[in-house]
N, C-alpha and C. Protein backbone atom coordinates (compact mmCIF):
# COMPACT_ATOMS: atom_id res chain seq x y z
N MET A 1 -15.75 -11.85 12.88
CA MET A 1 -14.41 -12.06 12.68
C MET A 1 -13.88 -10.90 11.30
N GLN A 2 -12.94 -9.96 11.78
CA GLN A 2 -12.74 -9.31 10.33
C GLN A 2 -10.77 -9.42 10.41
N LEU A 3 -10.34 -8.88 9.73
CA LEU A 3 -9.02 -8.97 9.55
C LEU A 3 -8.47 -7.70 8.99
N ARG A 4 -7.00 -7.03 9.67
CA ARG A 4 -6.72 -5.78 9.39
C ARG A 4 -4.97 -5.93 8.95
N PRO A 5 -4.86 -5.24 7.96
CA PRO A 5 -2.91 -5.36 7.79
C PRO A 5 -2.17 -4.88 9.16
N ALA A 6 -1.21 -5.94 9.67
CA ALA A 6 -0.61 -5.63 11.03
C ALA A 6 0.35 -4.29 10.36
N THR A 7 0.55 -3.37 11.37
CA THR A 7 1.18 -2.11 11.09
C THR A 7 2.12 -1.88 12.12
N PRO A 8 3.33 -1.14 11.76
CA PRO A 8 4.42 -1.23 12.67
C PRO A 8 4.02 -0.71 14.50
N ALA A 9 2.44 -0.15 14.10
CA ALA A 9 2.26 0.30 15.64
C ALA A 9 1.91 -0.84 16.34
N ASP A 10 1.36 -2.07 15.58
CA ASP A 10 0.78 -3.28 16.73
C ASP A 10 1.74 -4.15 16.77
N GLN A 11 3.00 -3.67 17.20
CA GLN A 11 4.17 -4.37 17.54
C GLN A 11 4.20 -5.17 18.88
N ALA A 12 3.95 -4.17 19.83
CA ALA A 12 3.89 -4.73 20.97
C ALA A 12 2.51 -5.94 21.46
N PHE A 13 1.32 -5.39 20.18
CA PHE A 13 0.11 -6.94 20.46
C PHE A 13 0.69 -8.22 20.10
N LEU A 14 1.71 -7.94 18.71
CA LEU A 14 2.20 -9.24 18.14
C LEU A 14 3.13 -9.56 18.97
N LYS A 15 3.63 -9.16 19.77
CA LYS A 15 4.75 -10.16 20.68
C LYS A 15 3.72 -10.24 21.69
N ALA A 16 2.61 -9.85 22.02
CA ALA A 16 1.91 -10.41 23.24
C ALA A 16 1.63 -11.66 22.70
N VAL A 17 1.07 -11.80 21.85
CA VAL A 17 -0.24 -12.32 20.92
C VAL A 17 1.02 -13.68 20.88
N TYR A 18 2.48 -13.41 20.37
CA TYR A 18 3.25 -14.46 20.36
C TYR A 18 4.39 -15.22 21.03
N ALA A 19 4.08 -14.54 22.43
CA ALA A 19 4.24 -14.75 23.68
C ALA A 19 3.14 -15.77 24.17
N SER A 20 2.10 -15.71 24.02
CA SER A 20 1.16 -16.22 24.47
C SER A 20 1.10 -17.71 24.17
N THR A 21 0.98 -18.00 22.79
CA THR A 21 1.55 -19.16 22.14
C THR A 21 2.66 -19.91 22.73
N ARG A 22 3.49 -19.23 23.50
CA ARG A 22 4.95 -19.90 23.94
C ARG A 22 4.62 -20.05 25.63
N ALA A 23 3.77 -19.91 25.84
CA ALA A 23 3.43 -19.60 27.31
C ALA A 23 3.56 -20.98 27.59
N ASP A 24 3.32 -22.23 27.72
CA ASP A 24 3.73 -23.40 28.22
C ASP A 24 5.50 -23.52 28.60
N GLU A 25 5.96 -22.98 27.13
CA GLU A 25 7.25 -23.66 26.87
C GLU A 25 8.27 -22.68 28.13
N LEU A 26 7.54 -21.28 28.52
CA LEU A 26 7.70 -20.12 29.01
C LEU A 26 7.54 -20.13 30.75
N ALA A 27 6.72 -21.32 31.07
CA ALA A 27 6.94 -21.77 32.18
C ALA A 27 7.73 -22.67 32.51
N LEU A 28 8.69 -23.17 31.27
CA LEU A 28 10.02 -24.25 32.23
C LEU A 28 10.89 -23.81 32.45
N LEU A 29 10.71 -22.16 32.28
CA LEU A 29 11.81 -21.29 32.78
C LEU A 29 11.50 -20.46 34.20
N SER A 30 11.40 -21.41 34.96
CA SER A 30 11.30 -20.59 36.14
C SER A 30 12.14 -20.16 37.12
N ASP A 31 13.47 -20.87 36.37
CA ASP A 31 14.90 -20.30 37.14
C ASP A 31 15.29 -18.88 36.72
N TRP A 32 14.86 -18.19 35.52
CA TRP A 32 14.81 -16.70 34.61
C TRP A 32 14.51 -16.21 34.90
N ASP A 33 14.96 -14.67 35.51
CA ASP A 33 14.11 -13.67 35.51
C ASP A 33 13.24 -12.99 34.85
N GLU A 34 12.44 -12.14 35.02
CA GLU A 34 11.86 -11.24 33.74
C GLU A 34 12.18 -10.92 32.86
N ALA A 35 13.78 -10.22 32.76
CA ALA A 35 13.79 -9.59 32.03
C ALA A 35 14.73 -10.61 30.80
N ALA A 36 15.43 -12.09 31.52
CA ALA A 36 15.89 -12.80 30.84
C ALA A 36 14.59 -13.09 30.07
N VAL A 37 13.44 -14.00 30.73
CA VAL A 37 12.22 -14.26 29.51
C VAL A 37 11.43 -13.07 28.18
N GLN A 38 11.80 -12.20 29.21
CA GLN A 38 11.38 -11.08 27.76
C GLN A 38 12.39 -10.67 26.67
N ALA A 39 13.73 -10.81 27.22
CA ALA A 39 14.44 -10.80 25.93
C ALA A 39 14.28 -12.42 25.25
N PHE A 40 14.36 -13.57 25.53
CA PHE A 40 14.16 -14.54 24.95
C PHE A 40 13.36 -14.72 24.22
N VAL A 41 11.91 -14.30 24.55
CA VAL A 41 10.53 -13.89 23.76
C VAL A 41 10.98 -12.87 22.68
N GLU A 42 11.48 -11.81 22.87
CA GLU A 42 11.78 -10.74 21.59
C GLU A 42 12.44 -11.45 20.89
N MET A 43 13.77 -12.40 21.24
CA MET A 43 15.05 -12.46 20.32
C MET A 43 13.88 -13.65 19.33
N GLN A 44 13.01 -14.80 19.96
CA GLN A 44 12.35 -15.58 19.05
C GLN A 44 10.93 -15.49 18.23
N TYR A 45 10.21 -14.13 19.04
CA TYR A 45 9.52 -12.95 17.89
C TYR A 45 10.05 -12.98 16.62
N GLN A 46 11.30 -12.13 17.31
CA GLN A 46 12.08 -11.45 15.75
C GLN A 46 12.65 -12.46 14.67
N ALA A 47 12.95 -13.82 15.63
CA ALA A 47 13.80 -15.24 14.45
C ALA A 47 12.41 -15.56 13.35
N GLN A 48 10.99 -15.48 14.27
CA GLN A 48 9.73 -16.19 13.40
C GLN A 48 9.65 -14.95 12.00
N ASN A 49 9.83 -13.78 12.57
CA ASN A 49 9.69 -12.81 11.82
C ASN A 49 10.67 -12.39 10.81
N SER A 50 11.41 -12.83 11.17
CA SER A 50 12.75 -12.23 9.51
C SER A 50 12.57 -14.14 9.16
N PHE A 51 12.32 -14.77 9.31
CA PHE A 51 12.44 -16.23 8.61
C PHE A 51 11.16 -16.05 7.91
N TYR A 52 9.74 -15.90 8.39
CA TYR A 52 8.43 -15.45 7.22
C TYR A 52 9.00 -14.42 6.18
N HIS A 53 9.63 -13.34 6.57
CA HIS A 53 9.90 -12.46 5.46
C HIS A 53 10.87 -12.88 4.66
N GLN A 54 11.55 -13.61 5.19
CA GLN A 54 13.01 -13.83 3.72
C GLN A 54 12.28 -15.19 3.24
N GLN A 55 11.60 -16.27 3.67
CA GLN A 55 10.88 -17.51 2.89
C GLN A 55 9.25 -17.04 2.19
N TYR A 56 8.92 -16.20 2.63
CA TYR A 56 7.50 -15.58 2.07
C TYR A 56 7.79 -13.69 2.39
N PRO A 57 8.27 -13.38 1.73
CA PRO A 57 8.24 -12.09 1.04
C PRO A 57 6.58 -10.97 0.96
N GLN A 58 6.17 -12.01 0.13
CA GLN A 58 5.14 -11.29 -0.13
C GLN A 58 3.77 -11.75 0.84
N ALA A 59 4.07 -12.32 2.07
CA ALA A 59 2.96 -13.02 2.59
C ALA A 59 2.60 -11.38 3.73
N GLU A 60 1.12 -11.72 3.83
CA GLU A 60 0.22 -10.86 4.03
C GLU A 60 0.31 -11.13 5.93
N HIS A 61 0.72 -10.34 6.80
CA HIS A 61 0.61 -10.44 8.50
C HIS A 61 -0.80 -9.33 8.74
N SER A 62 -1.89 -10.37 8.75
CA SER A 62 -2.83 -9.62 9.47
C SER A 62 -3.21 -9.69 11.26
N ILE A 63 -4.24 -8.78 11.81
CA ILE A 63 -4.48 -8.41 12.92
C ILE A 63 -5.99 -9.22 12.64
N ILE A 64 -6.35 -9.66 13.55
CA ILE A 64 -7.53 -10.57 13.50
C ILE A 64 -8.35 -9.88 14.65
N LEU A 65 -9.44 -9.16 14.22
CA LEU A 65 -10.47 -8.42 14.80
C LEU A 65 -11.71 -9.49 15.57
N SER A 66 -12.07 -9.04 17.06
CA SER A 66 -13.77 -9.38 16.95
C SER A 66 -14.34 -8.06 17.71
N ASN A 67 -15.10 -7.81 16.94
CA ASN A 67 -16.10 -6.59 17.53
C ASN A 67 -15.58 -5.29 17.52
N GLY A 68 -13.81 -5.01 16.59
CA GLY A 68 -13.29 -4.00 16.14
C GLY A 68 -12.25 -3.94 17.65
N GLU A 69 -12.16 -5.46 18.36
CA GLU A 69 -10.67 -5.57 19.24
C GLU A 69 -9.68 -6.84 18.55
N ALA A 70 -8.52 -6.37 18.62
CA ALA A 70 -7.50 -7.19 18.41
C ALA A 70 -7.41 -8.27 19.21
N VAL A 71 -7.59 -9.26 18.39
CA VAL A 71 -7.55 -10.99 19.62
C VAL A 71 -6.46 -11.84 18.76
N GLY A 72 -5.92 -11.66 17.73
CA GLY A 72 -5.22 -12.46 17.13
C GLY A 72 -4.29 -12.58 16.24
N ARG A 73 -3.73 -13.06 15.56
CA ARG A 73 -2.59 -12.46 14.21
C ARG A 73 -2.80 -13.65 13.39
N LEU A 74 -2.61 -13.41 11.40
CA LEU A 74 -2.84 -14.19 11.01
C LEU A 74 -1.48 -13.99 9.83
N TRP A 75 -0.96 -15.09 9.38
CA TRP A 75 0.21 -14.74 8.51
C TRP A 75 0.28 -15.78 7.16
N LEU A 76 -0.39 -15.28 6.04
CA LEU A 76 -0.94 -15.90 4.73
C LEU A 76 0.23 -15.42 3.68
N ALA A 77 0.52 -16.76 3.41
CA ALA A 77 1.54 -16.84 2.04
C ALA A 77 0.55 -17.11 0.84
N ARG A 78 0.55 -16.02 -0.18
CA ARG A 78 -0.27 -16.29 -1.49
C ARG A 78 0.38 -17.32 -2.57
N LEU A 79 0.86 -18.45 -2.60
CA LEU A 79 1.63 -19.35 -3.16
C LEU A 79 1.19 -19.67 -4.83
N ALA A 80 1.95 -19.57 -5.20
CA ALA A 80 1.19 -19.90 -6.78
C ALA A 80 0.29 -21.29 -7.23
N THR A 81 0.37 -22.04 -6.29
CA THR A 81 -0.53 -23.53 -6.89
C THR A 81 -1.61 -23.59 -5.29
N GLU A 82 -1.11 -22.92 -4.01
CA GLU A 82 -1.91 -22.62 -2.60
C GLU A 82 -1.91 -21.60 -1.84
N LEU A 83 -2.46 -21.69 -1.13
CA LEU A 83 -2.33 -20.55 0.01
C LEU A 83 -1.82 -20.72 1.33
N GLY A 84 -0.56 -20.59 1.66
CA GLY A 84 0.15 -21.15 2.41
C GLY A 84 -0.18 -20.44 4.09
N LEU A 85 -1.35 -20.97 4.70
CA LEU A 85 -1.23 -20.35 6.64
C LEU A 85 0.03 -20.83 7.38
N LEU A 86 0.43 -19.97 7.62
CA LEU A 86 1.82 -19.81 7.79
C LEU A 86 1.60 -19.45 9.91
N ASP A 87 0.80 -18.63 10.00
CA ASP A 87 0.58 -18.90 11.64
C ASP A 87 -0.83 -18.32 11.55
N LEU A 88 -1.65 -19.04 12.96
CA LEU A 88 -3.01 -18.58 13.04
C LEU A 88 -2.76 -18.78 14.64
N SER A 89 -2.80 -17.19 15.67
CA SER A 89 -2.72 -17.45 16.91
C SER A 89 -3.84 -16.28 17.43
N LEU A 90 -4.23 -16.82 18.47
CA LEU A 90 -5.24 -16.27 19.02
C LEU A 90 -4.96 -15.87 20.56
N LEU A 91 -5.02 -14.80 21.23
CA LEU A 91 -5.04 -14.80 22.69
C LEU A 91 -5.77 -15.80 23.49
N PRO A 92 -5.42 -16.31 24.28
CA PRO A 92 -5.87 -16.72 25.09
C PRO A 92 -7.34 -16.31 25.31
N PRO A 93 -7.96 -15.58 26.20
CA PRO A 93 -9.38 -15.63 26.41
C PRO A 93 -10.24 -15.72 24.66
N TRP A 94 -9.62 -16.12 23.84
CA TRP A 94 -9.94 -15.94 22.33
C TRP A 94 -10.35 -17.48 21.80
N ARG A 95 -9.29 -18.68 22.53
CA ARG A 95 -9.66 -19.49 22.02
C ARG A 95 -10.70 -20.59 22.49
N GLY A 96 -11.15 -21.21 21.51
CA GLY A 96 -12.23 -21.99 21.59
C GLY A 96 -13.51 -21.44 21.53
N GLN A 97 -13.74 -19.80 20.93
CA GLN A 97 -14.69 -19.51 20.91
C GLN A 97 -15.18 -19.46 19.78
N GLY A 98 -15.01 -20.22 18.35
CA GLY A 98 -14.93 -20.20 17.44
C GLY A 98 -14.33 -19.56 16.74
N LEU A 99 -13.35 -18.24 17.17
CA LEU A 99 -12.94 -17.25 15.68
C LEU A 99 -11.96 -18.53 14.86
N GLY A 100 -10.83 -19.04 15.64
CA GLY A 100 -10.34 -20.01 14.82
C GLY A 100 -10.92 -20.83 13.90
N ARG A 101 -11.85 -21.31 13.91
CA ARG A 101 -12.94 -21.45 12.99
C ARG A 101 -13.18 -20.50 11.22
N GLN A 102 -14.08 -19.79 12.39
CA GLN A 102 -14.38 -18.97 11.07
C GLN A 102 -13.05 -18.22 10.25
N CYS A 103 -11.96 -17.80 11.13
CA CYS A 103 -10.66 -17.56 10.21
C CYS A 103 -10.31 -18.84 9.13
N LEU A 104 -10.73 -19.95 9.59
CA LEU A 104 -10.11 -21.19 8.55
C LEU A 104 -11.14 -20.99 7.91
N ARG A 105 -12.65 -20.75 7.93
CA ARG A 105 -13.46 -21.28 6.96
C ARG A 105 -13.40 -19.83 5.82
N HIS A 106 -13.09 -18.52 6.22
CA HIS A 106 -12.71 -17.64 5.85
C HIS A 106 -11.74 -18.19 4.43
N LEU A 107 -10.40 -18.50 4.97
CA LEU A 107 -9.24 -18.57 3.96
C LEU A 107 -9.98 -19.97 3.18
N GLN A 108 -10.65 -20.69 3.90
CA GLN A 108 -11.40 -22.02 2.95
C GLN A 108 -12.02 -21.44 1.42
N ALA A 109 -13.13 -20.51 1.89
CA ALA A 109 -13.70 -19.58 0.62
C ALA A 109 -12.93 -19.23 -0.28
N GLN A 110 -11.68 -18.22 0.01
CA GLN A 110 -11.01 -17.55 -0.64
C GLN A 110 -9.99 -18.91 -1.91
N ALA A 111 -9.69 -19.93 -1.17
CA ALA A 111 -8.73 -20.78 -1.50
C ALA A 111 -10.13 -21.37 -2.36
N THR A 112 -11.32 -21.59 -2.20
CA THR A 112 -12.22 -22.35 -2.94
C THR A 112 -12.28 -21.60 -4.78
N GLN A 113 -12.49 -19.99 -3.85
CA GLN A 113 -12.76 -19.43 -5.18
C GLN A 113 -11.66 -19.28 -6.57
N LEU A 114 -10.26 -19.49 -5.49
CA LEU A 114 -8.99 -19.19 -6.45
C LEU A 114 -8.37 -20.63 -7.25
N GLY A 115 -9.44 -21.93 -6.94
CA GLY A 115 -9.40 -23.00 -7.40
C GLY A 115 -8.11 -23.91 -6.81
N GLN A 116 -7.55 -23.81 -5.37
CA GLN A 116 -6.24 -23.73 -4.74
C GLN A 116 -6.61 -24.66 -3.19
N ALA A 117 -5.52 -25.23 -2.91
CA ALA A 117 -5.25 -26.05 -1.76
C ALA A 117 -5.31 -24.71 -1.14
N LEU A 118 -5.25 -25.17 0.66
CA LEU A 118 -4.96 -24.35 1.64
C LEU A 118 -3.93 -25.35 3.01
N SER A 119 -2.80 -24.99 3.13
CA SER A 119 -1.64 -26.24 3.57
C SER A 119 -1.37 -25.10 4.95
N LEU A 120 -0.71 -26.21 5.68
CA LEU A 120 -0.20 -25.05 6.86
C LEU A 120 0.75 -26.53 7.85
N HIS A 121 1.37 -26.03 8.91
CA HIS A 121 1.88 -26.84 9.33
C HIS A 121 1.74 -27.07 10.70
N VAL A 122 1.63 -27.83 11.92
CA VAL A 122 0.82 -28.11 12.82
C VAL A 122 2.07 -28.52 13.73
N GLU A 123 2.16 -28.31 14.76
CA GLU A 123 3.34 -29.09 15.89
C GLU A 123 2.45 -30.15 16.33
N ILE A 124 2.97 -31.66 16.60
CA ILE A 124 2.34 -32.62 16.73
C ILE A 124 1.33 -33.10 17.87
N ASN A 125 1.86 -32.13 18.77
CA ASN A 125 0.61 -31.63 19.92
C ASN A 125 -0.31 -31.04 19.92
N ASN A 126 -0.17 -30.27 18.97
CA ASN A 126 -1.12 -29.29 19.34
C ASN A 126 -2.57 -29.30 19.23
N PRO A 127 -3.11 -29.39 19.96
CA PRO A 127 -4.78 -29.30 19.93
C PRO A 127 -5.51 -28.85 18.83
N ALA A 128 -5.05 -27.48 18.10
CA ALA A 128 -5.29 -26.92 16.61
C ALA A 128 -5.36 -28.14 15.51
N GLN A 129 -4.80 -29.65 15.88
CA GLN A 129 -4.74 -30.38 14.66
C GLN A 129 -6.31 -30.75 15.23
N ARG A 130 -6.80 -30.88 15.71
CA ARG A 130 -8.31 -31.40 15.69
C ARG A 130 -9.18 -30.73 15.13
N LEU A 131 -9.31 -29.46 15.25
CA LEU A 131 -10.28 -28.35 14.41
C LEU A 131 -9.19 -28.50 13.05
N TYR A 132 -8.26 -28.34 12.45
CA TYR A 132 -7.98 -29.04 11.02
C TYR A 132 -8.49 -30.04 10.68
N GLN A 133 -8.23 -31.37 11.09
CA GLN A 133 -9.06 -32.23 10.64
C GLN A 133 -10.66 -32.29 10.86
N ALA A 134 -11.35 -31.80 11.44
CA ALA A 134 -12.68 -31.35 11.82
C ALA A 134 -13.21 -30.34 10.63
N LEU A 135 -12.21 -29.69 9.77
CA LEU A 135 -12.57 -29.05 8.80
C LEU A 135 -12.34 -29.11 7.42
N GLY A 136 -11.49 -31.07 7.35
CA GLY A 136 -11.51 -31.21 6.38
C GLY A 136 -9.91 -31.37 6.03
N PHE A 137 -9.10 -30.64 6.89
CA PHE A 137 -7.67 -30.63 7.08
C PHE A 137 -7.19 -32.31 6.88
N GLU A 138 -5.95 -33.07 5.72
CA GLU A 138 -5.29 -34.32 5.41
C GLU A 138 -3.99 -34.40 5.77
N VAL A 139 -3.32 -35.18 7.11
CA VAL A 139 -2.16 -35.06 6.98
C VAL A 139 -1.18 -35.23 5.53
N GLN A 140 -0.05 -34.86 5.31
CA GLN A 140 0.22 -35.18 3.85
C GLN A 140 1.91 -35.70 3.92
N GLY A 141 2.30 -35.49 5.43
CA GLY A 141 3.61 -35.84 6.26
C GLY A 141 4.22 -35.23 7.14
N GLN A 142 5.07 -35.61 7.83
CA GLN A 142 5.51 -35.16 8.90
C GLN A 142 7.09 -34.63 8.88
N GLN A 143 7.72 -33.49 9.33
CA GLN A 143 9.10 -33.09 9.54
C GLN A 143 9.35 -32.90 10.69
N GLY A 144 10.17 -33.75 11.51
CA GLY A 144 10.57 -33.25 12.92
C GLY A 144 9.36 -32.96 13.41
N ARG A 145 9.10 -32.63 14.11
CA ARG A 145 7.42 -32.35 15.17
C ARG A 145 6.77 -31.81 14.54
N HIS A 146 6.56 -31.11 13.91
CA HIS A 146 5.58 -30.51 12.44
C HIS A 146 4.73 -31.70 11.77
N LEU A 147 3.46 -31.44 11.64
CA LEU A 147 2.60 -32.14 10.90
C LEU A 147 2.36 -31.07 9.21
N HIS A 148 2.50 -31.59 7.93
CA HIS A 148 2.34 -30.61 7.30
C HIS A 148 0.94 -31.58 6.80
N MET A 149 -0.24 -30.12 6.76
CA MET A 149 -1.72 -30.58 6.26
C MET A 149 -1.80 -29.81 5.24
N LEU A 150 -3.24 -30.92 4.60
CA LEU A 150 -3.32 -29.84 3.55
C LEU A 150 -5.29 -29.83 3.21
N TRP A 151 -5.41 -29.04 3.11
CA TRP A 151 -7.10 -28.90 2.48
C TRP A 151 -7.34 -28.62 1.31
N ARG A 152 -8.23 -29.07 0.33
CA ARG A 152 -8.61 -29.22 -1.08
C ARG A 152 -9.92 -29.19 -1.21
N PRO A 153 -10.32 -28.07 -1.97
CA PRO A 153 -11.48 -27.51 -2.31
C PRO A 153 -12.52 -28.90 -2.77
N VAL A 154 -13.53 -29.02 -2.70
CA VAL A 154 -14.62 -29.76 -3.43
C VAL A 154 -14.40 -29.33 -4.82
N ALA A 155 -14.03 -30.52 -5.58
CA ALA A 155 -14.00 -30.18 -7.36
C ALA A 155 -15.67 -29.94 -7.48
N THR A 156 -16.10 -29.27 -8.56
CA THR A 156 -17.13 -29.92 -8.54
C THR A 156 -16.94 -30.14 -10.07
N ALA A 157 -18.18 -30.98 -10.32
CA ALA A 157 -18.30 -31.84 -11.43
C ALA A 157 -18.34 -30.48 -13.02
N GLN A 158 -18.29 -31.51 -13.89
CA GLN A 158 -18.49 -31.06 -15.38
C GLN A 158 -19.82 -30.59 -15.37
N PRO A 159 -20.09 -29.55 -16.14
CA PRO A 159 -21.75 -29.37 -16.59
C PRO A 159 -22.23 -30.89 -17.62
N GLU A 160 -21.50 -31.14 -18.52
CA GLU A 160 -21.88 -32.34 -19.30
C GLU A 160 -21.63 -33.90 -18.42
N VAL A 161 -21.18 -33.61 -17.47
CA VAL A 161 -21.35 -35.05 -17.02
C VAL A 161 -22.66 -35.05 -15.90
N CYS A 162 -22.83 -33.61 -15.53
CA CYS A 162 -24.26 -33.64 -14.92
C CYS A 162 -25.47 -33.94 -15.77
N GLU A 163 -25.12 -33.66 -17.03
CA GLU A 163 -26.25 -33.71 -17.76
C GLU A 163 -26.41 -35.04 -18.19
N ARG A 164 -25.31 -35.82 -18.68
CA ARG A 164 -25.12 -37.50 -18.60
C ARG A 164 -26.08 -38.04 -17.63
N GLN A 165 -25.98 -37.52 -16.12
CA GLN A 165 -25.89 -38.29 -15.02
C GLN A 165 -27.25 -38.05 -14.82
N ALA A 166 -28.04 -36.85 -15.50
CA ALA A 166 -29.58 -36.27 -15.47
C ALA A 166 -30.10 -37.34 -16.39
N HIS A 167 -29.04 -37.56 -17.59
CA HIS A 167 -30.18 -38.03 -18.67
C HIS A 167 -30.19 -39.62 -18.17
N HIS A 168 -29.27 -40.27 -17.52
CA HIS A 168 -29.17 -41.77 -17.35
C HIS A 168 -30.04 -41.89 -16.13
N GLU A 169 -30.15 -40.92 -15.20
CA GLU A 169 -31.71 -41.01 -13.96
C GLU A 169 -33.18 -41.13 -14.64
N GLN A 170 -33.07 -40.23 -15.83
CA GLN A 170 -34.57 -40.34 -16.21
C GLN A 170 -34.69 -42.02 -16.97
N ALA A 171 -34.14 -42.76 -17.83
CA ALA A 171 -34.14 -43.26 -18.79
C ALA A 171 -34.05 -44.80 -17.96
């Protein structure tokens, strides 16, 4: 798994990834013609991008690669006290193969190096919630249909505490 910055040339790919995350909702629009569905996807995609850019102007938008092939997208906001995972989406053929776990572990390693937490919001019915919990994310609260989850790096013991414990164990 590798990451590279998203560029304007990636727009068609990014829209396809976005549309794949809305496939269940789009399936309910069976009475819409293809042009209406595409217009809806475009509008929603642009609205999400605008929101991320306005709320998190310094957010990093990356393409997730597997063996050089674009397979997903990642939006990450480096905030003052935490890393904010805004979006992690993979194309359907790449889901369930461990790439999401690899991305999350990569972000956890970054958060650990920075001494920061890693936060995210996930829809209540999103199966990814199980992965987040398996990786140590804890629910902090709920806003509408979304859960706020947080992962904190394991605090390392202070050297003097370790020395006292070793001395106590020898006695």
